[in-house]
N, C-alpha and C. Protein backbone atom coordinates (compact mmCIF):
# COMPACT_ATOMS: atom_id res chain seq x y z
N MET A 1 45.87 -69.10 -74.96
CA MET A 1 44.61 -69.59 -74.50
C MET A 1 44.87 -70.80 -73.59
N SER A 2 44.19 -70.84 -72.48
CA SER A 2 44.43 -71.93 -71.52
C SER A 2 43.56 -73.15 -71.86
N ILE A 3 43.94 -74.30 -71.31
CA ILE A 3 43.18 -75.49 -71.50
C ILE A 3 41.76 -75.32 -70.98
N ILE A 4 41.61 -74.56 -69.92
CA ILE A 4 40.27 -74.34 -69.36
C ILE A 4 39.39 -73.64 -70.38
N ASP A 5 39.96 -72.72 -71.15
CA ASP A 5 39.21 -72.01 -72.18
C ASP A 5 38.82 -72.95 -73.33
N LEU A 6 39.60 -74.01 -73.54
CA LEU A 6 39.36 -74.93 -74.65
C LEU A 6 38.40 -76.07 -74.35
N LEU A 7 38.23 -76.43 -73.08
CA LEU A 7 37.49 -77.63 -72.74
C LEU A 7 36.07 -77.72 -73.28
N ASP A 8 35.36 -76.62 -73.32
CA ASP A 8 33.94 -76.67 -73.68
C ASP A 8 33.70 -76.36 -75.17
N GLN A 9 34.71 -76.53 -75.99
CA GLN A 9 34.53 -76.36 -77.42
C GLN A 9 35.15 -77.57 -78.09
N GLU A 10 34.80 -77.75 -79.37
CA GLU A 10 35.25 -78.95 -80.05
C GLU A 10 35.86 -78.69 -81.44
N GLU A 11 36.36 -77.50 -81.63
CA GLU A 11 36.86 -77.16 -82.96
C GLU A 11 38.36 -76.99 -83.05
N ILE A 12 39.01 -76.49 -81.98
CA ILE A 12 40.44 -76.18 -82.09
C ILE A 12 41.20 -76.77 -80.87
N TRP A 13 42.47 -77.06 -81.16
CA TRP A 13 43.44 -77.38 -80.13
C TRP A 13 44.54 -76.37 -80.25
N VAL A 14 45.04 -75.87 -79.13
CA VAL A 14 46.15 -74.92 -79.14
C VAL A 14 47.33 -75.63 -78.51
N ASP A 15 48.41 -75.78 -79.28
CA ASP A 15 49.58 -76.53 -78.82
C ASP A 15 50.41 -75.69 -77.86
N GLY A 16 51.48 -76.27 -77.35
CA GLY A 16 52.34 -75.62 -76.39
C GLY A 16 53.00 -74.35 -76.87
N GLN A 17 53.08 -74.19 -78.19
CA GLN A 17 53.68 -72.96 -78.78
C GLN A 17 52.62 -71.91 -79.09
N GLY A 18 51.36 -72.22 -78.75
CA GLY A 18 50.28 -71.28 -78.99
C GLY A 18 49.69 -71.33 -80.40
N VAL A 19 50.05 -72.35 -81.16
CA VAL A 19 49.54 -72.50 -82.54
C VAL A 19 48.18 -73.18 -82.47
N GLU A 20 47.20 -72.57 -83.13
CA GLU A 20 45.83 -73.16 -83.20
C GLU A 20 45.77 -74.20 -84.32
N HIS A 21 45.17 -75.34 -83.99
CA HIS A 21 44.98 -76.39 -84.97
C HIS A 21 43.47 -76.76 -85.04
N GLN A 22 42.95 -76.78 -86.24
CA GLN A 22 41.59 -77.27 -86.41
C GLN A 22 41.60 -78.77 -86.15
N ILE A 23 40.79 -79.24 -85.23
CA ILE A 23 40.82 -80.66 -84.89
C ILE A 23 40.52 -81.52 -86.10
N THR A 24 39.62 -81.08 -86.95
CA THR A 24 39.28 -81.88 -88.12
C THR A 24 40.44 -82.01 -89.10
N ASP A 25 41.44 -81.11 -89.00
CA ASP A 25 42.61 -81.15 -89.87
C ASP A 25 43.80 -81.85 -89.24
N MET A 26 43.70 -82.18 -87.96
CA MET A 26 44.82 -82.81 -87.26
C MET A 26 44.95 -84.27 -87.62
N GLU A 27 46.17 -84.77 -87.63
CA GLU A 27 46.41 -86.20 -87.86
C GLU A 27 45.79 -86.99 -86.70
N PRO A 28 45.12 -88.08 -86.98
CA PRO A 28 44.55 -88.88 -85.89
C PRO A 28 45.55 -89.27 -84.81
N ARG A 29 46.76 -89.61 -85.21
CA ARG A 29 47.76 -90.00 -84.21
C ARG A 29 48.12 -88.85 -83.32
N TYR A 30 48.19 -87.63 -83.87
CA TYR A 30 48.45 -86.47 -83.04
C TYR A 30 47.31 -86.24 -82.04
N CYS A 31 46.06 -86.41 -82.49
CA CYS A 31 44.92 -86.29 -81.58
C CYS A 31 45.02 -87.30 -80.43
N ALA A 32 45.38 -88.53 -80.77
CA ALA A 32 45.52 -89.54 -79.73
C ALA A 32 46.61 -89.16 -78.72
N ASN A 33 47.70 -88.59 -79.21
CA ASN A 33 48.77 -88.14 -78.32
C ASN A 33 48.31 -87.01 -77.43
N VAL A 34 47.51 -86.10 -77.98
CA VAL A 34 46.99 -84.97 -77.18
C VAL A 34 46.06 -85.51 -76.09
N VAL A 35 45.20 -86.45 -76.44
CA VAL A 35 44.28 -87.03 -75.45
C VAL A 35 45.10 -87.68 -74.32
N ARG A 36 46.10 -88.47 -74.66
CA ARG A 36 46.92 -89.10 -73.63
C ARG A 36 47.62 -88.07 -72.74
N PHE A 37 48.13 -87.03 -73.37
CA PHE A 37 48.77 -85.95 -72.61
C PHE A 37 47.78 -85.30 -71.65
N LEU A 38 46.58 -84.95 -72.12
CA LEU A 38 45.58 -84.30 -71.28
C LEU A 38 45.15 -85.22 -70.14
N LEU A 39 44.98 -86.51 -70.41
CA LEU A 39 44.56 -87.40 -69.37
C LEU A 39 45.63 -87.55 -68.25
N ARG A 40 46.89 -87.48 -68.66
CA ARG A 40 47.97 -87.48 -67.65
C ARG A 40 47.93 -86.23 -66.79
N GLN A 41 47.39 -85.15 -67.35
CA GLN A 41 47.30 -83.88 -66.64
C GLN A 41 45.92 -83.62 -65.99
N ALA A 42 45.07 -84.62 -65.97
CA ALA A 42 43.67 -84.43 -65.55
C ALA A 42 43.53 -83.83 -64.16
N GLU A 43 44.28 -84.29 -63.20
CA GLU A 43 44.16 -83.71 -61.85
C GLU A 43 44.53 -82.25 -61.84
N ALA A 44 45.60 -81.89 -62.51
CA ALA A 44 46.01 -80.48 -62.55
C ALA A 44 45.00 -79.62 -63.29
N ILE A 45 44.42 -80.17 -64.35
CA ILE A 45 43.42 -79.42 -65.10
C ILE A 45 42.16 -79.20 -64.25
N ALA A 46 41.73 -80.24 -63.53
CA ALA A 46 40.55 -80.11 -62.65
C ALA A 46 40.83 -79.03 -61.59
N LEU A 47 42.00 -79.06 -61.00
CA LEU A 47 42.34 -78.04 -60.00
C LEU A 47 42.37 -76.67 -60.60
N ALA A 48 42.97 -76.54 -61.77
CA ALA A 48 43.05 -75.21 -62.43
C ALA A 48 41.64 -74.68 -62.75
N GLU A 49 40.74 -75.57 -63.14
CA GLU A 49 39.40 -75.16 -63.43
C GLU A 49 38.70 -74.65 -62.19
N ASP A 50 38.89 -75.34 -61.07
CA ASP A 50 38.33 -74.88 -59.79
C ASP A 50 38.91 -73.53 -59.40
N MET A 51 40.20 -73.37 -59.56
CA MET A 51 40.85 -72.13 -59.17
C MET A 51 40.38 -70.97 -60.04
N ALA A 52 40.20 -71.21 -61.33
CA ALA A 52 39.70 -70.17 -62.23
C ALA A 52 38.29 -69.77 -61.83
N PHE A 53 37.51 -70.76 -61.45
CA PHE A 53 36.11 -70.48 -61.03
C PHE A 53 36.13 -69.66 -59.75
N LEU A 54 37.01 -69.95 -58.83
CA LEU A 54 37.03 -69.24 -57.56
C LEU A 54 37.45 -67.79 -57.72
N SER A 55 38.14 -67.46 -58.78
CA SER A 55 38.57 -66.07 -59.00
C SER A 55 37.50 -65.18 -59.60
N VAL A 56 36.37 -65.76 -59.98
CA VAL A 56 35.27 -65.00 -60.53
C VAL A 56 34.39 -64.50 -59.40
N PRO A 57 34.05 -63.22 -59.39
CA PRO A 57 33.18 -62.72 -58.31
C PRO A 57 31.81 -63.44 -58.32
N MET A 58 31.39 -63.84 -57.16
CA MET A 58 30.11 -64.55 -57.03
C MET A 58 28.98 -63.55 -56.94
N PRO A 59 27.79 -63.93 -57.50
CA PRO A 59 26.61 -63.08 -57.33
C PRO A 59 26.15 -63.12 -55.87
N ASP A 60 25.25 -62.23 -55.51
CA ASP A 60 24.71 -62.22 -54.14
C ASP A 60 24.08 -63.56 -53.82
N VAL A 61 24.18 -63.96 -52.56
CA VAL A 61 23.73 -65.28 -52.14
C VAL A 61 22.23 -65.44 -52.34
N ASP A 62 21.45 -64.42 -52.17
CA ASP A 62 19.99 -64.52 -52.26
C ASP A 62 19.45 -64.34 -53.67
N THR A 63 20.21 -64.76 -54.69
CA THR A 63 19.76 -64.59 -56.04
C THR A 63 19.74 -65.95 -56.78
N VAL A 64 18.97 -65.98 -57.85
CA VAL A 64 18.91 -67.18 -58.68
C VAL A 64 20.28 -67.38 -59.36
N ALA A 65 20.95 -66.30 -59.67
CA ALA A 65 22.27 -66.40 -60.32
C ALA A 65 23.26 -67.14 -59.41
N PHE A 66 23.16 -66.93 -58.12
CA PHE A 66 24.05 -67.62 -57.18
C PHE A 66 23.80 -69.13 -57.26
N ASP A 67 22.54 -69.51 -57.26
CA ASP A 67 22.20 -70.91 -57.35
C ASP A 67 22.70 -71.52 -58.67
N SER A 68 22.68 -70.73 -59.73
CA SER A 68 23.08 -71.22 -61.05
C SER A 68 24.59 -71.48 -61.15
N VAL A 69 25.36 -70.69 -60.43
CA VAL A 69 26.82 -70.85 -60.57
C VAL A 69 27.47 -71.61 -59.40
N MET A 70 26.67 -71.93 -58.42
CA MET A 70 27.22 -72.62 -57.26
C MET A 70 27.78 -73.98 -57.68
N PHE A 71 28.89 -74.38 -57.12
CA PHE A 71 29.46 -75.65 -57.45
C PHE A 71 29.90 -76.37 -56.19
N ASP A 72 30.10 -77.65 -56.31
CA ASP A 72 30.54 -78.47 -55.19
C ASP A 72 32.03 -78.73 -55.37
N PRO A 73 32.90 -78.12 -54.58
CA PRO A 73 34.34 -78.37 -54.76
C PRO A 73 34.74 -79.83 -54.49
N ASP A 74 33.85 -80.56 -53.82
CA ASP A 74 34.09 -81.95 -53.55
C ASP A 74 33.34 -82.84 -54.52
N ASP A 75 33.05 -82.33 -55.71
CA ASP A 75 32.38 -83.10 -56.75
C ASP A 75 33.07 -84.43 -56.90
N PRO A 76 32.43 -85.53 -56.54
CA PRO A 76 33.12 -86.80 -56.58
C PRO A 76 33.59 -87.19 -57.97
N HIS A 77 32.85 -86.80 -58.97
CA HIS A 77 33.24 -87.16 -60.34
C HIS A 77 34.57 -86.47 -60.70
N LYS A 78 34.69 -85.20 -60.30
CA LYS A 78 35.91 -84.47 -60.63
C LYS A 78 37.07 -84.87 -59.76
N THR A 79 36.84 -84.98 -58.45
CA THR A 79 37.95 -85.26 -57.55
C THR A 79 38.34 -86.71 -57.46
N LYS A 80 37.38 -87.62 -57.61
CA LYS A 80 37.71 -89.05 -57.49
C LYS A 80 38.10 -89.65 -58.82
N ASN A 81 37.65 -89.06 -59.91
CA ASN A 81 38.02 -89.61 -61.23
C ASN A 81 38.18 -88.45 -62.21
N PRO A 82 39.25 -87.67 -62.02
CA PRO A 82 39.43 -86.49 -62.90
C PRO A 82 39.56 -86.85 -64.39
N GLN A 83 40.02 -88.04 -64.70
CA GLN A 83 40.15 -88.44 -66.11
C GLN A 83 38.76 -88.60 -66.71
N ALA A 84 37.84 -89.25 -66.00
CA ALA A 84 36.47 -89.40 -66.48
C ALA A 84 35.79 -88.03 -66.61
N TRP A 85 36.02 -87.17 -65.61
CA TRP A 85 35.49 -85.80 -65.68
C TRP A 85 35.99 -85.09 -66.90
N LEU A 86 37.27 -85.20 -67.17
CA LEU A 86 37.87 -84.53 -68.33
C LEU A 86 37.29 -85.08 -69.62
N MET A 87 37.11 -86.40 -69.69
CA MET A 87 36.58 -87.01 -70.92
C MET A 87 35.15 -86.58 -71.23
N ASP A 88 34.46 -86.03 -70.25
CA ASP A 88 33.08 -85.55 -70.47
C ASP A 88 33.02 -84.24 -71.23
N HIS A 89 34.16 -83.61 -71.49
CA HIS A 89 34.16 -82.28 -72.15
C HIS A 89 34.23 -82.42 -73.68
N PRO A 90 33.60 -81.46 -74.37
CA PRO A 90 33.56 -81.48 -75.84
C PRO A 90 34.94 -81.59 -76.51
N LEU A 91 35.95 -80.92 -75.94
CA LEU A 91 37.28 -80.96 -76.52
C LEU A 91 37.80 -82.41 -76.59
N LEU A 92 37.65 -83.12 -75.48
CA LEU A 92 38.13 -84.51 -75.45
C LEU A 92 37.29 -85.41 -76.34
N HIS A 93 35.99 -85.14 -76.43
CA HIS A 93 35.15 -85.92 -77.35
C HIS A 93 35.65 -85.75 -78.78
N ALA A 94 35.90 -84.50 -79.17
CA ALA A 94 36.33 -84.23 -80.54
C ALA A 94 37.71 -84.83 -80.83
N LEU A 95 38.63 -84.65 -79.90
CA LEU A 95 39.98 -85.20 -80.11
C LEU A 95 39.93 -86.75 -80.17
N SER A 96 39.16 -87.35 -79.30
CA SER A 96 39.03 -88.83 -79.29
C SER A 96 38.39 -89.34 -80.59
N ALA A 97 37.35 -88.65 -81.03
CA ALA A 97 36.69 -89.08 -82.25
C ALA A 97 37.65 -88.97 -83.45
N ARG A 98 38.42 -87.91 -83.51
CA ARG A 98 39.39 -87.75 -84.59
C ARG A 98 40.50 -88.80 -84.47
N ALA A 99 40.94 -89.12 -83.26
CA ALA A 99 41.94 -90.12 -83.07
C ALA A 99 41.46 -91.49 -83.56
N GLU A 100 40.20 -91.77 -83.36
CA GLU A 100 39.63 -93.05 -83.79
C GLU A 100 39.42 -93.11 -85.30
N ALA A 101 39.51 -91.97 -85.97
CA ALA A 101 39.37 -91.97 -87.43
C ALA A 101 40.45 -92.77 -88.11
N ASP A 102 41.53 -93.00 -87.40
CA ASP A 102 42.66 -93.77 -87.94
C ASP A 102 42.41 -95.27 -87.81
N SER A 103 41.45 -95.65 -86.98
CA SER A 103 41.20 -97.08 -86.75
C SER A 103 40.41 -97.71 -87.87
C-alpha cells in the first residue's frame, strides 16, 4: 500500500516492510519518528499524489464531475509548504496525536 493510499485514513500505518500497524497500538515514540520521516519526504509525497491523480482518466470537460475533480497543480499550500499540506491529512493527525500521548 502506498503512502498516498494511507493519507486520508487514520487507523493504520504500513511500514517499509509492508507490515500494517494499528496507530492506536503503536508506541508514541515510533509515531513521532514516522511523522518526522514523512515530513522529510513531504515534497516527494506531494509530487507522487499529483502524479497518481494525473494517471486517473478525467471525466468530460462539460460535466459536474469534471468540476468536482479538477485540481490546481500550482496549489500554493501544497507546492509552497508541502509539510503543512501533509499535516492536514488524517494520517498525520492520528500519528501526531498518538506521538503526543507520550507527553
